[in-house]
Amino acid sequence: MRNYITYDWFTVFTIIGLCAIALAKILNTLRFKDFIYVLGNSKYLKIYSKDQKFVDQFDSFLFINLCLSLSIFIFFFYSTFVTPIDFDLINFLKLLFTVFSLIIIKTLIERLLGSLFEIDSVIDGYLFQKTTFKNLSGIVFLIANLFLLYTTIYTDITIIIAFSLVCIINLIGFFNSIKTYQKLINPNFFYFLLYLCALEIGPYVLLYKVIREYNG
């Protein structure tokens, strides 16, 4: 799996991810510091959710890393636990495009629903929280990828640890969002369940099907 071509291209994508994170830190040093400690301190969510924009420079750089690092991680995950596959640049770019498209389309649909039901402020705050924890997960994926690419540590153990950390991070974010919007969710619990099935679970099922076709 770690042939020369794979190592070469994954190094390029990893460097791009690292550069994106570095730019986010350089351009927003104080915000980046607050972002890194978001799990133990709600200061970041309280302060920066008020100033969020439709296209946020800070989140955009972290999003670049998220897409790249998640795609590389998916490659290693699939090759380790499903079936070994050889790296192919075209197929990998398709996977990268799929990851990018799913995240963007999902976000746009959620914003559209917010406008239709006239709850833009609620959706904006909710999406900001989700984006924050996803971008933090992107850093975890990048660190895991560095171990997968450049160390001899057991691949399966590294993947399991990274995946577990990402699940914990996003569960914390999920329960934080529920706590924040509990008063809105309680009287609309049925619609909340529909939302979870359609926009939280559905895209990952679609991504899984795409991954199944990755080796085809």
C-alpha atoms as a PDB file:
ATOM      1  CA  MET A   1       0.000   0.000   0.000  1.00  0.00           C
ATOM      2  CA  ARG A   2       2.916   2.352   0.664  1.00  0.00           C
ATOM      3  CA  ASN A   3       4.407   2.216  -2.804  1.00  0.00           C
ATOM      4  CA  TYR A   4       6.337   5.154  -4.214  1.00  0.00           C
ATOM      5  CA  ILE A   5       3.422   6.709  -6.123  1.00  0.00           C
ATOM      6  CA  THR A   6       1.111   6.558  -3.102  1.00  0.00           C
ATOM      7  CA  TYR A   7       3.744   8.094  -0.851  1.00  0.00           C
ATOM      8  CA  ASP A   8       4.497  10.827  -3.363  1.00  0.00           C
ATOM      9  CA  TRP A   9       0.908  11.978  -3.986  1.00  0.00           C
ATOM     10  CA  PHE A  10      -0.236  11.620  -0.392  1.00  0.00           C
ATOM     11  CA  THR A  11       2.759  13.701   0.654  1.00  0.00           C
ATOM     12  CA  VAL A  12       1.611  16.448  -1.729  1.00  0.00           C
ATOM     13  CA  PHE A  13      -1.960  16.388  -0.396  1.00  0.00           C
ATOM     14  CA  THR A  14      -0.768  16.266   3.212  1.00  0.00           C
ATOM     15  CA  ILE A  15       1.494  19.274   2.684  1.00  0.00           C
ATOM     16  CA  ILE A  16      -1.427  21.184   1.171  1.00  0.00           C
ATOM     17  CA  GLY A  17      -3.485  20.332   4.259  1.00  0.00           C
ATOM     18  CA  LEU A  18      -0.685  21.462   6.568  1.00  0.00           C
ATOM     19  CA  CYS A  19      -0.287  24.707   4.628  1.00  0.00           C
ATOM     20  CA  ALA A  20      -4.030  25.359   4.879  1.00  0.00           C
ATOM     21  CA  ILE A  21      -3.913  24.933   8.656  1.00  0.00           C
ATOM     22  CA  ALA A  22      -0.806  27.127   8.873  1.00  0.00           C
ATOM     23  CA  LEU A  23      -2.531  29.884   6.887  1.00  0.00           C
ATOM     24  CA  ALA A  24      -5.564  29.706   9.145  1.00  0.00           C
ATOM     25  CA  LYS A  25      -3.303  30.069  12.172  1.00  0.00           C
ATOM     26  CA  ILE A  26      -1.193  32.878  10.696  1.00  0.00           C
ATOM     27  CA  LEU A  27      -4.171  34.931   9.536  1.00  0.00           C
ATOM     28  CA  ASN A  28      -6.217  34.317  12.701  1.00  0.00           C
ATOM     29  CA  THR A  29      -3.738  33.484  15.472  1.00  0.00           C
ATOM     30  CA  LEU A  30      -5.982  34.253  18.446  1.00  0.00           C
ATOM     31  CA  ARG A  31      -8.984  32.530  16.893  1.00  0.00           C
ATOM     32  CA  PHE A  32      -6.919  29.442  16.101  1.00  0.00           C
ATOM     33  CA  LYS A  33      -5.766  29.236  19.711  1.00  0.00           C
ATOM     34  CA  ASP A  34      -9.367  29.382  20.936  1.00  0.00           C
ATOM     35  CA  PHE A  35     -10.378  26.853  18.275  1.00  0.00           C
ATOM     36  CA  ILE A  36      -7.828  24.257  19.409  1.00  0.00           C
ATOM     37  CA  TYR A  37      -9.237  24.336  22.954  1.00  0.00           C
ATOM     38  CA  VAL A  38     -12.900  24.279  21.924  1.00  0.00           C
ATOM     39  CA  LEU A  39     -13.513  20.858  23.512  1.00  0.00           C
ATOM     40  CA  GLY A  40     -12.763  22.148  26.991  1.00  0.00           C
ATOM     41  CA  ASN A  41     -13.893  25.725  26.576  1.00  0.00           C
ATOM     42  CA  SER A  42     -17.054  27.095  24.984  1.00  0.00           C
ATOM     43  CA  LYS A  43     -15.423  30.505  24.537  1.00  0.00           C
ATOM     44  CA  TYR A  44     -14.781  29.881  20.830  1.00  0.00           C
ATOM     45  CA  LEU A  45     -18.398  28.977  20.064  1.00  0.00           C
ATOM     46  CA  LYS A  46     -19.798  31.915  22.016  1.00  0.00           C
ATOM     47  CA  ILE A  47     -17.487  34.551  20.547  1.00  0.00           C
ATOM     48  CA  TYR A  48     -17.055  33.597  16.911  1.00  0.00           C
ATOM     49  CA  SER A  49     -20.569  32.355  16.186  1.00  0.00           C
ATOM     50  CA  LYS A  50     -21.681  35.995  16.376  1.00  0.00           C
ATOM     51  CA  ASP A  51     -19.307  37.092  13.608  1.00  0.00           C
ATOM     52  CA  GLN A  52     -19.705  34.177  11.226  1.00  0.00           C
ATOM     53  CA  LYS A  53     -20.073  34.769   7.507  1.00  0.00           C
ATOM     54  CA  PHE A  54     -21.517  32.684   4.679  1.00  0.00           C
ATOM     55  CA  VAL A  55     -17.957  32.127   3.423  1.00  0.00           C
ATOM     56  CA  ASP A  56     -15.561  32.325   6.355  1.00  0.00           C
ATOM     57  CA  GLN A  57     -11.847  32.566   5.553  1.00  0.00           C
ATOM     58  CA  PHE A  58     -10.724  30.760   8.695  1.00  0.00           C
ATOM     59  CA  ASP A  59     -13.153  27.863   8.284  1.00  0.00           C
ATOM     60  CA  SER A  60     -12.409  27.665   4.558  1.00  0.00           C
ATOM     61  CA  PHE A  61      -8.734  26.917   5.133  1.00  0.00           C
ATOM     62  CA  LEU A  62      -9.570  24.296   7.743  1.00  0.00           C
ATOM     63  CA  PHE A  63     -12.178  22.847   5.379  1.00  0.00           C
ATOM     64  CA  ILE A  64      -9.500  22.287   2.730  1.00  0.00           C
ATOM     65  CA  ASN A  65      -7.525  20.226   5.201  1.00  0.00           C
ATOM     66  CA  LEU A  66     -10.660  18.359   6.300  1.00  0.00           C
ATOM     67  CA  CYS A  67     -11.478  17.211   2.758  1.00  0.00           C
ATOM     68  CA  LEU A  68      -7.904  16.189   1.946  1.00  0.00           C
ATOM     69  CA  SER A  69      -7.161  14.476   5.258  1.00  0.00           C
ATOM     70  CA  LEU A  70     -10.522  12.702   5.419  1.00  0.00           C
ATOM     71  CA  SER A  71     -10.095  11.360   1.873  1.00  0.00           C
ATOM     72  CA  ILE A  72      -6.623  10.008   2.655  1.00  0.00           C
ATOM     73  CA  PHE A  73      -7.906   8.482   5.894  1.00  0.00           C
ATOM     74  CA  ILE A  74     -10.793   6.814   4.033  1.00  0.00           C
ATOM     75  CA  PHE A  75      -8.299   5.288   1.604  1.00  0.00           C
ATOM     76  CA  PHE A  76      -6.290   3.735   4.447  1.00  0.00           C
ATOM     77  CA  PHE A  77      -9.430   2.657   6.291  1.00  0.00           C
ATOM     78  CA  TYR A  78     -10.867   0.918   3.242  1.00  0.00           C
ATOM     79  CA  SER A  79      -7.574  -0.681   2.278  1.00  0.00           C
ATOM     80  CA  THR A  80      -7.003  -1.955   5.823  1.00  0.00           C
ATOM     81  CA  PHE A  81     -10.427  -3.186   6.896  1.00  0.00           C
ATOM     82  CA  VAL A  82     -12.274  -3.920   3.640  1.00  0.00           C
ATOM     83  CA  THR A  83      -9.896  -4.931   0.871  1.00  0.00           C
ATOM     84  CA  PRO A  84      -6.328  -3.901  -0.051  1.00  0.00           C
ATOM     85  CA  ILE A  85      -6.281  -1.509  -2.998  1.00  0.00           C
ATOM     86  CA  ASP A  86      -3.583   0.145  -5.056  1.00  0.00           C
ATOM     87  CA  PHE A  87      -3.463   3.907  -5.196  1.00  0.00           C
ATOM     88  CA  ASP A  88      -4.869   5.449  -8.345  1.00  0.00           C
ATOM     89  CA  LEU A  89      -4.791   9.233  -8.656  1.00  0.00           C
ATOM     90  CA  ILE A  90      -7.977   9.513 -10.746  1.00  0.00           C
ATOM     91  CA  ASN A  91      -9.988   7.356  -8.353  1.00  0.00           C
ATOM     92  CA  PHE A  92      -8.617   9.255  -5.378  1.00  0.00           C
ATOM     93  CA  LEU A  93      -9.572  12.586  -6.938  1.00  0.00           C
ATOM     94  CA  LYS A  94     -13.078  11.192  -7.455  1.00  0.00           C
ATOM     95  CA  LEU A  95     -13.200  10.268  -3.784  1.00  0.00           C
ATOM     96  CA  LEU A  96     -11.925  13.722  -2.825  1.00  0.00           C
ATOM     97  CA  PHE A  97     -14.558  15.371  -5.034  1.00  0.00           C
ATOM     98  CA  THR A  98     -17.277  13.213  -3.485  1.00  0.00           C
ATOM     99  CA  VAL A  99     -16.247  14.134   0.065  1.00  0.00           C
ATOM    100  CA  PHE A 100     -16.084  17.816  -0.876  1.00  0.00           C
ATOM    101  CA  SER A 101     -19.438  17.754  -2.685  1.00  0.00           C
ATOM    102  CA  LEU A 102     -21.296  15.893   0.057  1.00  0.00           C
ATOM    103  CA  ILE A 103     -20.196  18.329   2.747  1.00  0.00           C
ATOM    104  CA  ILE A 104     -20.950  21.415   0.635  1.00  0.00           C
ATOM    105  CA  ILE A 105     -24.313  20.188  -0.684  1.00  0.00           C
ATOM    106  CA  LYS A 106     -25.393  19.050   2.788  1.00  0.00           C
ATOM    107  CA  THR A 107     -24.549  22.477   4.229  1.00  0.00           C
ATOM    108  CA  LEU A 108     -26.385  24.318   1.443  1.00  0.00           C
ATOM    109  CA  ILE A 109     -29.489  22.158   1.910  1.00  0.00           C
ATOM    110  CA  GLU A 110     -29.473  22.873   5.641  1.00  0.00           C
ATOM    111  CA  ARG A 111     -29.196  26.603   4.979  1.00  0.00           C
ATOM    112  CA  LEU A 112     -32.047  26.363   2.472  1.00  0.00           C
ATOM    113  CA  LEU A 113     -34.232  24.596   5.030  1.00  0.00           C
ATOM    114  CA  GLY A 114     -33.359  27.301   7.530  1.00  0.00           C
ATOM    115  CA  SER A 115     -34.597  29.945   5.099  1.00  0.00           C
ATOM    116  CA  LEU A 116     -37.760  28.019   4.208  1.00  0.00           C
ATOM    117  CA  PHE A 117     -38.758  27.588   7.843  1.00  0.00           C
ATOM    118  CA  GLU A 118     -37.516  31.072   8.776  1.00  0.00           C
ATOM    119  CA  ILE A 119     -35.048  29.814  11.386  1.00  0.00           C
ATOM    120  CA  ASP A 120     -31.902  31.157   9.741  1.00  0.00           C
ATOM    121  CA  SER A 121     -30.311  32.288  12.986  1.00  0.00           C
ATOM    122  CA  VAL A 122     -30.809  28.861  14.579  1.00  0.00           C
ATOM    123  CA  ILE A 123     -29.451  26.996  11.559  1.00  0.00           C
ATOM    124  CA  ASP A 124     -26.481  29.361  11.269  1.00  0.00           C
ATOM    125  CA  GLY A 125     -25.538  28.790  14.891  1.00  0.00           C
ATOM    126  CA  TYR A 126     -26.030  25.032  14.588  1.00  0.00           C
ATOM    127  CA  LEU A 127     -23.951  24.816  11.400  1.00  0.00           C
ATOM    128  CA  PHE A 128     -21.192  26.885  12.990  1.00  0.00           C
ATOM    129  CA  GLN A 129     -20.965  24.417  15.861  1.00  0.00           C
ATOM    130  CA  LYS A 130     -20.948  21.423  13.502  1.00  0.00           C
ATOM    131  CA  THR A 131     -18.346  23.007  11.232  1.00  0.00           C
ATOM    132  CA  THR A 132     -16.101  23.726  14.210  1.00  0.00           C
ATOM    133  CA  PHE A 133     -16.049  20.121  15.399  1.00  0.00           C
ATOM    134  CA  LYS A 134     -15.678  18.773  11.865  1.00  0.00           C
ATOM    135  CA  ASN A 135     -12.676  21.007  11.245  1.00  0.00           C
ATOM    136  CA  LEU A 136     -11.178  19.856  14.536  1.00  0.00           C
ATOM    137  CA  SER A 137     -11.703  16.284  13.335  1.00  0.00           C
ATOM    138  CA  GLY A 138      -9.805  17.218  10.170  1.00  0.00           C
ATOM    139  CA  ILE A 139      -6.721  17.981  12.272  1.00  0.00           C
ATOM    140  CA  VAL A 140      -7.043  14.582  13.968  1.00  0.00           C
ATOM    141  CA  PHE A 141      -7.257  12.919  10.550  1.00  0.00           C
ATOM    142  CA  LEU A 142      -4.150  14.788   9.386  1.00  0.00           C
ATOM    143  CA  ILE A 143      -2.144  13.696  12.438  1.00  0.00           C
ATOM    144  CA  ALA A 144      -3.315  10.106  11.943  1.00  0.00           C
ATOM    145  CA  ASN A 145      -2.328  10.241   8.282  1.00  0.00           C
ATOM    146  CA  LEU A 146       1.188  11.352   9.236  1.00  0.00           C
ATOM    147  CA  PHE A 147       1.525   8.218  11.364  1.00  0.00           C
ATOM    148  CA  LEU A 148       0.020   6.040   8.622  1.00  0.00           C
ATOM    149  CA  LEU A 149       2.361   7.420   5.969  1.00  0.00           C
ATOM    150  CA  TYR A 150       5.649   7.922   7.759  1.00  0.00           C
ATOM    151  CA  THR A 151       5.845   5.478  10.683  1.00  0.00           C
ATOM    152  CA  THR A 152       5.820   1.722  11.127  1.00  0.00           C
ATOM    153  CA  ILE A 153       3.153   1.803  13.848  1.00  0.00           C
ATOM    154  CA  TYR A 154       0.399  -0.746  13.260  1.00  0.00           C
ATOM    155  CA  THR A 155      -1.976   0.737  10.697  1.00  0.00           C
ATOM    156  CA  ASP A 156      -5.134  -0.806  12.149  1.00  0.00           C
ATOM    157  CA  ILE A 157      -4.425   0.490  15.650  1.00  0.00           C
ATOM    158  CA  THR A 158      -3.742   4.008  14.359  1.00  0.00           C
ATOM    159  CA  ILE A 159      -6.971   4.011  12.347  1.00  0.00           C
ATOM    160  CA  ILE A 160      -9.071   2.735  15.252  1.00  0.00           C
ATOM    161  CA  ILE A 161      -7.633   5.307  17.674  1.00  0.00           C
ATOM    162  CA  ALA A 162      -8.122   8.184  15.200  1.00  0.00           C
ATOM    163  CA  PHE A 163     -11.649   7.073  14.300  1.00  0.00           C
ATOM    164  CA  SER A 164     -12.561   6.758  17.991  1.00  0.00           C
ATOM    165  CA  LEU A 165     -11.223  10.249  18.726  1.00  0.00           C
ATOM    166  CA  VAL A 166     -13.181  11.731  15.828  1.00  0.00           C
ATOM    167  CA  CYS A 167     -16.369   9.997  16.996  1.00  0.00           C
ATOM    168  CA  ILE A 168     -15.866  11.385  20.506  1.00  0.00           C
ATOM    169  CA  ILE A 169     -15.220  14.896  19.168  1.00  0.00           C
ATOM    170  CA  ASN A 170     -18.340  14.889  17.022  1.00  0.00           C
ATOM    171  CA  LEU A 171     -20.495  13.326  19.741  1.00  0.00           C
ATOM    172  CA  ILE A 172     -19.419  16.126  22.070  1.00  0.00           C
ATOM    173  CA  GLY A 173     -20.372  18.603  19.356  1.00  0.00           C
ATOM    174  CA  PHE A 174     -23.696  16.846  18.740  1.00  0.00           C
ATOM    175  CA  PHE A 175     -24.728  16.813  22.406  1.00  0.00           C
ATOM    176  CA  ASN A 176     -23.536  20.383  22.778  1.00  0.00           C
ATOM    177  CA  SER A 177     -25.874  21.376  19.929  1.00  0.00           C
ATOM    178  CA  ILE A 178     -28.779  19.439  21.476  1.00  0.00           C
ATOM    179  CA  LYS A 179     -28.176  21.190  24.788  1.00  0.00           C
ATOM    180  CA  THR A 180     -28.064  24.586  23.080  1.00  0.00           C
ATOM    181  CA  TYR A 181     -31.280  24.070  21.091  1.00  0.00           C
ATOM    182  CA  GLN A 182     -33.131  21.739  23.463  1.00  0.00           C
ATOM    183  CA  LYS A 183     -36.084  24.108  23.864  1.00  0.00           C
ATOM    184  CA  LEU A 184     -36.583  24.130  20.095  1.00  0.00           C
ATOM    185  CA  ILE A 185     -36.057  20.374  19.659  1.00  0.00           C
ATOM    186  CA  ASN A 186     -38.440  19.125  22.371  1.00  0.00           C
ATOM    187  CA  PRO A 187     -41.708  20.325  20.765  1.00  0.00           C
ATOM    188  CA  ASN A 188     -40.471  19.310  17.299  1.00  0.00           C
ATOM    189  CA  PHE A 189     -38.846  15.982  18.142  1.00  0.00           C
ATOM    190  CA  PHE A 190     -40.401  14.107  15.195  1.00  0.00           C
ATOM    191  CA  TYR A 191     -39.007  16.606  12.698  1.00  0.00           C
ATOM    192  CA  PHE A 192     -35.675  16.420  14.472  1.00  0.00           C
ATOM    193  CA  LEU A 193     -35.602  12.647  13.895  1.00  0.00           C
ATOM    194  CA  LEU A 194     -36.450  13.164  10.224  1.00  0.00           C
ATOM    195  CA  TYR A 195     -33.594  15.642   9.993  1.00  0.00           C
ATOM    196  CA  LEU A 196     -31.161  13.153  11.545  1.00  0.00           C
ATOM    197  CA  CYS A 197     -32.155  10.408   9.109  1.00  0.00           C
ATOM    198  CA  ALA A 198     -32.185  12.586   5.995  1.00  0.00           C
ATOM    199  CA  LEU A 199     -29.262  14.950   6.519  1.00  0.00           C
ATOM    200  CA  GLU A 200     -27.064  13.401   9.191  1.00  0.00           C
ATOM    201  CA  ILE A 201     -27.207   9.676   8.469  1.00  0.00           C
ATOM    202  CA  GLY A 202     -28.179   9.661   4.775  1.00  0.00           C
ATOM    203  CA  PRO A 203     -25.038  11.384   3.404  1.00  0.00           C
ATOM    204  CA  TYR A 204     -22.765   8.921   5.185  1.00  0.00           C
ATOM    205  CA  VAL A 205     -24.691   6.000   3.724  1.00  0.00           C
ATOM    206  CA  LEU A 206     -24.192   7.573   0.299  1.00  0.00           C
ATOM    207  CA  LEU A 207     -20.490   8.090   0.988  1.00  0.00           C
ATOM    208  CA  TYR A 208     -20.184   4.435   2.020  1.00  0.00           C
ATOM    209  CA  LYS A 209     -21.695   3.339  -1.286  1.00  0.00           C
ATOM    210  CA  VAL A 210     -19.238   5.558  -3.170  1.00  0.00           C
ATOM    211  CA  ILE A 211     -16.358   4.029  -1.222  1.00  0.00           C
ATOM    212  CA  ARG A 212     -17.626   0.544  -2.089  1.00  0.00           C
ATOM    213  CA  GLU A 213     -17.334   1.526  -5.729  1.00  0.00           C
ATOM    214  CA  TYR A 214     -13.873   3.048  -5.207  1.00  0.00           C
ATOM    215  CA  ASN A 215     -12.100  -0.166  -6.161  1.00  0.00           C
ATOM    216  CA  GLY A 216     -14.248  -0.621  -9.254  1.00  0.00           C
END
